[in-house]
């Protein structure tokens, strides 16, 4: 029957691969990975003799032959994706191909670049009474966006926004964020290749975003974060407040009754 595992390799650093992902790579007969997106260190988990397929230049049709062989020869394939496969992973079309070929499949979650970028900044993206929501989106470019999912429309919420795959046109992005409702002084951050050795972090107000991105020469592989939570401080959650009760702890001064 054959099987394909769609494995999230994490944002870059090979030690951010999950234990499950590493184990399944070690069990695979074929490992498919893209050098342009995934750190080569994840291949250290492949067993001796496993077939390694570098897929940077291959469209879906180019990988079809691997999946067809897996179905015919009962092979196990580890298809390694950057970050988490559920976010901009182009995994749905591959699942449909597996089902067409009669291959079993499984998604193995990975650490998203969103988490790695927040860690690089040393920031929590949800701050009590400031921002309790995170919008994950991208600009319309080569891939069109649904009509009701514009950057401008999302900006009206003024909460934390994480903009993927949009560093190539920072001026247009900045204009859409400003016209949507974020003030020019809203904190922004650009994290280039989060968790890679050449990681680069830029922090600035929204009004300087395009200039700073252009000045750093960043055009791809960057996550752009914007929102008041990036600059917030002096707030406490109720979770660790001595005056807040929950099912595992009573508030200070609360009786047994």
C-alpha atoms as a PDB file:
ATOM      1  CA  UNK A   1       0.000   0.000   0.000  1.00  0.00           C
ATOM      2  CA  UNK A   2       2.758   2.482   0.852  1.00  0.00           C
ATOM      3  CA  UNK A   3       2.627   5.509   3.116  1.00  0.00           C
ATOM      4  CA  UNK A   4       3.582   9.203   3.078  1.00  0.00           C
ATOM      5  CA  UNK A   5       4.357  11.268   6.157  1.00  0.00           C
ATOM      6  CA  UNK A   6       4.129  15.035   5.718  1.00  0.00           C
ATOM      7  CA  UNK A   7       6.601  16.140   8.365  1.00  0.00           C
ATOM      8  CA  UNK A   8       6.981  19.687   9.669  1.00  0.00           C
ATOM      9  CA  UNK A   9      10.734  20.251   9.975  1.00  0.00           C
ATOM     10  CA  UNK A  10      10.339  23.459  11.977  1.00  0.00           C
ATOM     11  CA  UNK A  11      11.515  26.958  11.068  1.00  0.00           C
ATOM     12  CA  UNK A  12      15.162  26.179  10.381  1.00  0.00           C
ATOM     13  CA  UNK A  13      17.308  25.016  13.273  1.00  0.00           C
ATOM     14  CA  UNK A  14      17.527  21.215  12.889  1.00  0.00           C
ATOM     15  CA  UNK A  15      17.085  20.633  16.615  1.00  0.00           C
ATOM     16  CA  UNK A  16      13.603  22.179  16.390  1.00  0.00           C
ATOM     17  CA  UNK A  17      12.456  19.093  14.476  1.00  0.00           C
ATOM     18  CA  UNK A  18      10.052  17.137  16.705  1.00  0.00           C
ATOM     19  CA  UNK A  19      10.974  13.749  18.154  1.00  0.00           C
ATOM     20  CA  UNK A  20       8.164  12.162  16.146  1.00  0.00           C
ATOM     21  CA  UNK A  21       9.380  13.785  12.948  1.00  0.00           C
ATOM     22  CA  UNK A  22      12.928  12.567  13.539  1.00  0.00           C
ATOM     23  CA  UNK A  23      11.719   9.021  14.238  1.00  0.00           C
ATOM     24  CA  UNK A  24       9.621   8.841  11.083  1.00  0.00           C
ATOM     25  CA  UNK A  25      12.437  10.211   8.921  1.00  0.00           C
ATOM     26  CA  UNK A  26      14.611   7.413  10.307  1.00  0.00           C
ATOM     27  CA  UNK A  27      12.000   4.845   9.263  1.00  0.00           C
ATOM     28  CA  UNK A  28      11.472   6.175   5.737  1.00  0.00           C
ATOM     29  CA  UNK A  29      12.631   4.457   2.562  1.00  0.00           C
ATOM     30  CA  UNK A  30      12.542   7.789   0.713  1.00  0.00           C
ATOM     31  CA  UNK A  31      13.066  11.293   2.133  1.00  0.00           C
ATOM     32  CA  UNK A  32      11.862  14.221   0.004  1.00  0.00           C
ATOM     33  CA  UNK A  33      13.094  17.651   1.087  1.00  0.00           C
ATOM     34  CA  UNK A  34      13.710  21.120  -0.361  1.00  0.00           C
ATOM     35  CA  UNK A  35      17.194  22.505   0.230  1.00  0.00           C
ATOM     36  CA  UNK A  36      15.925  26.049  -0.280  1.00  0.00           C
ATOM     37  CA  UNK A  37      13.564  25.798   2.716  1.00  0.00           C
ATOM     38  CA  UNK A  38      14.732  23.000   5.036  1.00  0.00           C
ATOM     39  CA  UNK A  39      18.052  22.746   6.900  1.00  0.00           C
ATOM     40  CA  UNK A  40      20.190  19.867   5.659  1.00  0.00           C
ATOM     41  CA  UNK A  41      20.740  18.809   9.256  1.00  0.00           C
ATOM     42  CA  UNK A  42      17.364  17.049   9.329  1.00  0.00           C
ATOM     43  CA  UNK A  43      18.795  14.459   6.922  1.00  0.00           C
ATOM     44  CA  UNK A  44      21.055  13.190   9.708  1.00  0.00           C
ATOM     45  CA  UNK A  45      18.032  11.218  10.895  1.00  0.00           C
ATOM     46  CA  UNK A  46      17.658   9.348   7.598  1.00  0.00           C
ATOM     47  CA  UNK A  47      18.749   5.712   7.769  1.00  0.00           C
ATOM     48  CA  UNK A  48      21.722   4.460   5.748  1.00  0.00           C
ATOM     49  CA  UNK A  49      20.576   3.489   2.292  1.00  0.00           C
ATOM     50  CA  UNK A  50      17.472   5.692   2.279  1.00  0.00           C
ATOM     51  CA  UNK A  51      16.811   7.439  -1.026  1.00  0.00           C
ATOM     52  CA  UNK A  52      17.126  11.227  -0.708  1.00  0.00           C
ATOM     53  CA  UNK A  53      15.161  13.349  -3.205  1.00  0.00           C
ATOM     54  CA  UNK A  54      15.933  17.087  -3.340  1.00  0.00           C
ATOM     55  CA  UNK A  55      12.717  18.747  -4.498  1.00  0.00           C
ATOM     56  CA  UNK A  56      13.555  22.462  -4.820  1.00  0.00           C
ATOM     57  CA  UNK A  57      13.115  22.460  -8.600  1.00  0.00           C
ATOM     58  CA  UNK A  58      10.331  19.870  -8.762  1.00  0.00           C
ATOM     59  CA  UNK A  59       6.631  20.697  -9.242  1.00  0.00           C
ATOM     60  CA  UNK A  60       4.017  18.337  -7.837  1.00  0.00           C
ATOM     61  CA  UNK A  61       4.163  16.335 -11.055  1.00  0.00           C
ATOM     62  CA  UNK A  62       7.884  15.790 -10.483  1.00  0.00           C
ATOM     63  CA  UNK A  63       7.227  14.094  -7.136  1.00  0.00           C
ATOM     64  CA  UNK A  64       4.337  12.030  -8.449  1.00  0.00           C
ATOM     65  CA  UNK A  65       6.721   9.326  -9.626  1.00  0.00           C
ATOM     66  CA  UNK A  66       8.036   8.922  -6.074  1.00  0.00           C
ATOM     67  CA  UNK A  67       4.517   8.480  -4.754  1.00  0.00           C
ATOM     68  CA  UNK A  68       3.631   6.041  -7.537  1.00  0.00           C
ATOM     69  CA  UNK A  69       6.637   3.895  -6.630  1.00  0.00           C
ATOM     70  CA  UNK A  70       5.654   4.085  -2.976  1.00  0.00           C
ATOM     71  CA  UNK A  71       2.207   2.730  -3.832  1.00  0.00           C
ATOM     72  CA  UNK A  72       3.560  -0.010  -6.103  1.00  0.00           C
ATOM     73  CA  UNK A  73       6.462  -1.124  -3.881  1.00  0.00           C
ATOM     74  CA  UNK A  74       4.982  -0.501  -0.406  1.00  0.00           C
ATOM     75  CA  UNK A  75       7.518   2.223   0.415  1.00  0.00           C
ATOM     76  CA  UNK A  76       7.445   4.694   3.284  1.00  0.00           C
ATOM     77  CA  UNK A  77       8.060   8.300   2.202  1.00  0.00           C
ATOM     78  CA  UNK A  78       8.949  11.216   4.491  1.00  0.00           C
ATOM     79  CA  UNK A  79       7.970  14.434   2.734  1.00  0.00           C
ATOM     80  CA  UNK A  80       9.698  17.100   4.824  1.00  0.00           C
ATOM     81  CA  UNK A  81       8.116  20.555   4.896  1.00  0.00           C
ATOM     82  CA  UNK A  82       9.463  23.761   6.406  1.00  0.00           C
ATOM     83  CA  UNK A  83       7.713  25.051   9.522  1.00  0.00           C
ATOM     84  CA  UNK A  84       4.350  23.402  10.063  1.00  0.00           C
ATOM     85  CA  UNK A  85       2.620  21.769   7.072  1.00  0.00           C
ATOM     86  CA  UNK A  86      -0.734  23.341   7.981  1.00  0.00           C
ATOM     87  CA  UNK A  87       0.511  26.891   7.251  1.00  0.00           C
ATOM     88  CA  UNK A  88       1.258  27.680   3.603  1.00  0.00           C
ATOM     89  CA  UNK A  89       2.527  24.119   3.208  1.00  0.00           C
ATOM     90  CA  UNK A  90       0.843  23.199  -0.121  1.00  0.00           C
ATOM     91  CA  UNK A  91      -0.015  19.912   1.549  1.00  0.00           C
ATOM     92  CA  UNK A  92      -3.672  19.603   0.509  1.00  0.00           C
ATOM     93  CA  UNK A  93      -2.856  18.889  -3.143  1.00  0.00           C
ATOM     94  CA  UNK A  94      -0.382  16.230  -2.070  1.00  0.00           C
ATOM     95  CA  UNK A  95      -2.954  14.558   0.177  1.00  0.00           C
ATOM     96  CA  UNK A  96      -5.344  14.442  -2.770  1.00  0.00           C
ATOM     97  CA  UNK A  97      -2.610  12.817  -4.864  1.00  0.00           C
ATOM     98  CA  UNK A  98      -1.974  10.214  -2.156  1.00  0.00           C
ATOM     99  CA  UNK A  99      -5.654   9.355  -2.010  1.00  0.00           C
ATOM    100  CA  UNK A 100      -5.794   9.078  -5.786  1.00  0.00           C
ATOM    101  CA  UNK A 101      -2.897   6.602  -5.673  1.00  0.00           C
ATOM    102  CA  UNK A 102      -4.216   4.667  -2.685  1.00  0.00           C
ATOM    103  CA  UNK A 103      -1.415   5.756  -0.357  1.00  0.00           C
ATOM    104  CA  UNK A 104      -1.916   6.086   3.376  1.00  0.00           C
ATOM    105  CA  UNK A 105      -0.798   9.464   4.706  1.00  0.00           C
ATOM    106  CA  UNK A 106      -0.296  11.366   7.948  1.00  0.00           C
ATOM    107  CA  UNK A 107       0.514  14.973   8.861  1.00  0.00           C
ATOM    108  CA  UNK A 108       3.187  15.404  11.526  1.00  0.00           C
ATOM    109  CA  UNK A 109       3.034  18.943  12.975  1.00  0.00           C
ATOM    110  CA  UNK A 110       6.133  21.090  13.282  1.00  0.00           C
ATOM    111  CA  UNK A 111       7.239  24.293  14.964  1.00  0.00           C
ATOM    112  CA  UNK A 112       5.975  27.227  12.907  1.00  0.00           C
ATOM    113  CA  UNK A 113       8.152  30.163  11.942  1.00  0.00           C
ATOM    114  CA  UNK A 114       5.602  32.242  13.861  1.00  0.00           C
ATOM    115  CA  UNK A 115       6.712  30.692  17.148  1.00  0.00           C
ATOM    116  CA  UNK A 116      10.369  30.966  16.195  1.00  0.00           C
ATOM    117  CA  UNK A 117       9.992  34.630  15.248  1.00  0.00           C
ATOM    118  CA  UNK A 118       8.265  35.472  18.531  1.00  0.00           C
ATOM    119  CA  UNK A 119      11.032  33.644  20.405  1.00  0.00           C
ATOM    120  CA  UNK A 120      13.696  35.603  18.507  1.00  0.00           C
ATOM    121  CA  UNK A 121      11.970  38.809  19.586  1.00  0.00           C
ATOM    122  CA  UNK A 122      11.495  37.620  23.151  1.00  0.00           C
ATOM    123  CA  UNK A 123       7.849  38.613  22.897  1.00  0.00           C
ATOM    124  CA  UNK A 124       4.462  37.147  23.738  1.00  0.00           C
ATOM    125  CA  UNK A 125       2.045  37.867  20.900  1.00  0.00           C
ATOM    126  CA  UNK A 126      -1.025  37.892  23.146  1.00  0.00           C
ATOM    127  CA  UNK A 127      -0.907  40.418  25.986  1.00  0.00           C
ATOM    128  CA  UNK A 128      -3.795  40.844  28.465  1.00  0.00           C
ATOM    129  CA  UNK A 129      -5.967  43.888  27.724  1.00  0.00           C
ATOM    130  CA  UNK A 130      -3.777  44.763  24.717  1.00  0.00           C
ATOM    131  CA  UNK A 131      -4.107  41.971  22.156  1.00  0.00           C
ATOM    132  CA  UNK A 132      -5.739  38.582  22.620  1.00  0.00           C
ATOM    133  CA  UNK A 133      -5.911  37.592  18.956  1.00  0.00           C
ATOM    134  CA  UNK A 134      -3.324  36.864  16.262  1.00  0.00           C
ATOM    135  CA  UNK A 135      -4.174  37.165  12.573  1.00  0.00           C
ATOM    136  CA  UNK A 136      -2.062  34.995  10.252  1.00  0.00           C
ATOM    137  CA  UNK A 137      -2.196  36.151   6.648  1.00  0.00           C
ATOM    138  CA  UNK A 138      -0.237  37.211   3.559  1.00  0.00           C
ATOM    139  CA  UNK A 139      -0.415  39.832   0.824  1.00  0.00           C
ATOM    140  CA  UNK A 140      -1.991  39.018  -2.498  1.00  0.00           C
ATOM    141  CA  UNK A 141       0.832  38.589  -5.007  1.00  0.00           C
ATOM    142  CA  UNK A 142       1.276  35.545  -7.220  1.00  0.00           C
ATOM    143  CA  UNK A 143      -1.333  33.726  -5.137  1.00  0.00           C
ATOM    144  CA  UNK A 144      -4.619  35.687  -5.135  1.00  0.00           C
ATOM    145  CA  UNK A 145      -6.435  36.292  -1.850  1.00  0.00           C
ATOM    146  CA  UNK A 146     -10.159  35.817  -1.172  1.00  0.00           C
ATOM    147  CA  UNK A 147     -11.986  39.137  -1.485  1.00  0.00           C
ATOM    148  CA  UNK A 148     -12.803  39.325   2.222  1.00  0.00           C
ATOM    149  CA  UNK A 149      -9.215  38.700   3.378  1.00  0.00           C
ATOM    150  CA  UNK A 150      -7.318  41.874   2.577  1.00  0.00           C
ATOM    151  CA  UNK A 151      -4.466  43.221   4.689  1.00  0.00           C
ATOM    152  CA  UNK A 152      -6.349  46.510   4.880  1.00  0.00           C
ATOM    153  CA  UNK A 153      -9.466  44.815   6.206  1.00  0.00           C
ATOM    154  CA  UNK A 154      -7.576  42.826   8.839  1.00  0.00           C
ATOM    155  CA  UNK A 155      -5.666  45.931   9.941  1.00  0.00           C
ATOM    156  CA  UNK A 156      -8.921  47.484  11.158  1.00  0.00           C
ATOM    157  CA  UNK A 157      -8.805  45.101  14.135  1.00  0.00           C
ATOM    158  CA  UNK A 158      -5.465  46.593  15.309  1.00  0.00           C
ATOM    159  CA  UNK A 159      -4.502  43.321  16.966  1.00  0.00           C
ATOM    160  CA  UNK A 160      -1.329  41.310  16.420  1.00  0.00           C
ATOM    161  CA  UNK A 161      -0.878  40.410  12.759  1.00  0.00           C
ATOM    162  CA  UNK A 162       1.676  37.993  11.331  1.00  0.00           C
ATOM    163  CA  UNK A 163       2.234  38.541   7.618  1.00  0.00           C
ATOM    164  CA  UNK A 164       3.876  35.638   5.804  1.00  0.00           C
ATOM    165  CA  UNK A 165       5.457  35.576   2.333  1.00  0.00           C
ATOM    166  CA  UNK A 166       5.217  39.334   1.866  1.00  0.00           C
ATOM    167  CA  UNK A 167       8.690  40.850   2.265  1.00  0.00           C
ATOM    168  CA  UNK A 168       9.217  41.434  -1.463  1.00  0.00           C
ATOM    169  CA  UNK A 169       6.952  44.496  -1.544  1.00  0.00           C
ATOM    170  CA  UNK A 170       7.261  46.178   1.853  1.00  0.00           C
ATOM    171  CA  UNK A 171       6.102  49.595   0.661  1.00  0.00           C
ATOM    172  CA  UNK A 172       2.737  48.257  -0.487  1.00  0.00           C
ATOM    173  CA  UNK A 173       2.381  46.246   2.705  1.00  0.00           C
ATOM    174  CA  UNK A 174       3.109  49.294   4.837  1.00  0.00           C
ATOM    175  CA  UNK A 175       0.559  51.377   2.943  1.00  0.00           C
ATOM    176  CA  UNK A 176      -2.135  48.728   3.371  1.00  0.00           C
ATOM    177  CA  UNK A 177      -1.466  48.389   7.100  1.00  0.00           C
ATOM    178  CA  UNK A 178      -1.599  52.154   7.611  1.00  0.00           C
ATOM    179  CA  UNK A 179      -4.692  52.713   5.495  1.00  0.00           C
ATOM    180  CA  UNK A 180      -6.422  49.846   7.305  1.00  0.00           C
ATOM    181  CA  UNK A 181      -6.114  51.488  10.694  1.00  0.00           C
ATOM    182  CA  UNK A 182      -2.763  50.854  12.377  1.00  0.00           C
ATOM    183  CA  UNK A 183      -1.177  54.133  13.544  1.00  0.00           C
ATOM    184  CA  UNK A 184       2.322  54.900  12.159  1.00  0.00           C
ATOM    185  CA  UNK A 185       3.861  54.390  15.622  1.00  0.00           C
ATOM    186  CA  UNK A 186       2.539  50.799  15.904  1.00  0.00           C
ATOM    187  CA  UNK A 187       5.433  48.447  16.783  1.00  0.00           C
ATOM    188  CA  UNK A 188       6.640  46.196  13.969  1.00  0.00           C
ATOM    189  CA  UNK A 189       9.212  43.444  13.661  1.00  0.00           C
ATOM    190  CA  UNK A 190      10.753  41.680  10.706  1.00  0.00           C
ATOM    191  CA  UNK A 191      12.378  38.331  11.410  1.00  0.00           C
ATOM    192  CA  UNK A 192      14.472  36.959   8.564  1.00  0.00           C
ATOM    193  CA  UNK A 193      15.183  33.188   8.584  1.00  0.00           C
ATOM    194  CA  UNK A 194      14.097  32.673  12.189  1.00  0.00           C
ATOM    195  CA  UNK A 195      16.325  30.163  14.040  1.00  0.00           C
ATOM    196  CA  UNK A 196      18.820  29.842  11.150  1.00  0.00           C
ATOM    197  CA  UNK A 197      22.474  30.810  11.747  1.00  0.00           C
ATOM    198  CA  UNK A 198      21.992  33.954   9.649  1.00  0.00           C
ATOM    199  CA  UNK A 199      18.810  35.040  11.433  1.00  0.00           C
ATOM    200  CA  UNK A 200      18.224  38.777  11.320  1.00  0.00           C
ATOM    201  CA  UNK A 201      15.751  40.779  13.421  1.00  0.00           C
ATOM    202  CA  UNK A 202      14.548  44.314  12.730  1.00  0.00           C
ATOM    203  CA  UNK A 203      12.282  46.216  15.128  1.00  0.00           C
ATOM    204  CA  UNK A 204      10.778  49.548  14.157  1.00  0.00           C
ATOM    205  CA  UNK A 205       7.556  51.581  14.105  1.00  0.00           C
ATOM    206  CA  UNK A 206       5.215  50.826  11.214  1.00  0.00           C
ATOM    207  CA  UNK A 207       5.983  54.177   9.611  1.00  0.00           C
ATOM    208  CA  UNK A 208       9.584  52.998   9.015  1.00  0.00           C
ATOM    209  CA  UNK A 209       8.824  49.419   7.953  1.00  0.00           C
ATOM    210  CA  UNK A 210       9.443  49.646   4.203  1.00  0.00           C
ATOM    211  CA  UNK A 211      12.608  51.721   4.573  1.00  0.00           C
ATOM    212  CA  UNK A 212      14.090  49.304   7.116  1.00  0.00           C
ATOM    213  CA  UNK A 213      13.257  46.180   5.105  1.00  0.00           C
ATOM    214  CA  UNK A 214      14.705  47.658   1.925  1.00  0.00           C
ATOM    215  CA  UNK A 215      17.790  48.864   3.757  1.00  0.00           C
ATOM    216  CA  UNK A 216      18.449  45.357   5.078  1.00  0.00           C
ATOM    217  CA  UNK A 217      18.067  43.849   1.610  1.00  0.00           C
ATOM    218  CA  UNK A 218      15.385  41.414   2.780  1.00  0.00           C
ATOM    219  CA  UNK A 219      13.127  40.137   0.011  1.00  0.00           C
ATOM    220  CA  UNK A 220      12.082  36.641   1.088  1.00  0.00           C
ATOM    221  CA  UNK A 221      12.078  34.135   3.945  1.00  0.00           C
ATOM    222  CA  UNK A 222      10.935  36.765   6.426  1.00  0.00           C
ATOM    223  CA  UNK A 223       7.940  37.014   8.727  1.00  0.00           C
ATOM    224  CA  UNK A 224       6.558  40.474   9.426  1.00  0.00           C
ATOM    225  CA  UNK A 225       4.797  41.083  12.725  1.00  0.00           C
ATOM    226  CA  UNK A 226       2.792  44.174  13.610  1.00  0.00           C
ATOM    227  CA  UNK A 227       0.615  45.177  16.542  1.00  0.00           C
ATOM    228  CA  UNK A 228       0.562  46.839  19.961  1.00  0.00           C
ATOM    229  CA  UNK A 229       1.513  43.631  21.798  1.00  0.00           C
ATOM    230  CA  UNK A 230       5.043  43.911  20.392  1.00  0.00           C
ATOM    231  CA  UNK A 231       5.653  46.978  22.519  1.00  0.00           C
ATOM    232  CA  UNK A 232       3.439  46.238  25.509  1.00  0.00           C
ATOM    233  CA  UNK A 233       4.686  45.751  29.040  1.00  0.00           C
ATOM    234  CA  UNK A 234       3.617  46.074  32.653  1.00  0.00           C
ATOM    235  CA  UNK A 235       0.633  43.755  32.253  1.00  0.00           C
ATOM    236  CA  UNK A 236      -0.175  40.656  34.295  1.00  0.00           C
ATOM    237  CA  UNK A 237      -2.334  37.741  33.301  1.00  0.00           C
ATOM    238  CA  UNK A 238      -4.879  36.462  35.782  1.00  0.00           C
ATOM    239  CA  UNK A 239      -3.462  32.958  35.493  1.00  0.00           C
ATOM    240  CA  UNK A 240      -0.572  33.694  37.876  1.00  0.00           C
ATOM    241  CA  UNK A 241      -2.282  36.340  39.994  1.00  0.00           C
ATOM    242  CA  UNK A 242      -2.585  35.406  43.700  1.00  0.00           C
ATOM    243  CA  UNK A 243      -6.061  37.005  43.613  1.00  0.00           C
ATOM    244  CA  UNK A 244      -7.383  34.718  40.877  1.00  0.00           C
ATOM    245  CA  UNK A 245      -8.873  31.283  41.539  1.00  0.00           C
ATOM    246  CA  UNK A 246      -9.000  28.368  39.133  1.00  0.00           C
ATOM    247  CA  UNK A 247      -9.648  24.654  39.465  1.00  0.00           C
ATOM    248  CA  UNK A 248      -6.102  23.931  40.693  1.00  0.00           C
ATOM    249  CA  UNK A 249      -5.549  26.872  43.058  1.00  0.00           C
ATOM    250  CA  UNK A 250      -7.567  29.064  45.397  1.00  0.00           C
ATOM    251  CA  UNK A 251      -7.073  32.796  45.514  1.00  0.00           C
ATOM    252  CA  UNK A 252      -5.329  34.248  48.534  1.00  0.00           C
ATOM    253  CA  UNK A 253      -7.700  34.766  51.432  1.00  0.00           C
ATOM    254  CA  UNK A 254     -10.366  32.513  49.944  1.00  0.00           C
ATOM    255  CA  UNK A 255     -11.876  30.217  52.565  1.00  0.00           C
ATOM    256  CA  UNK A 256     -12.626  26.516  52.378  1.00  0.00           C
ATOM    257  CA  UNK A 257     -16.359  27.082  52.185  1.00  0.00           C
END
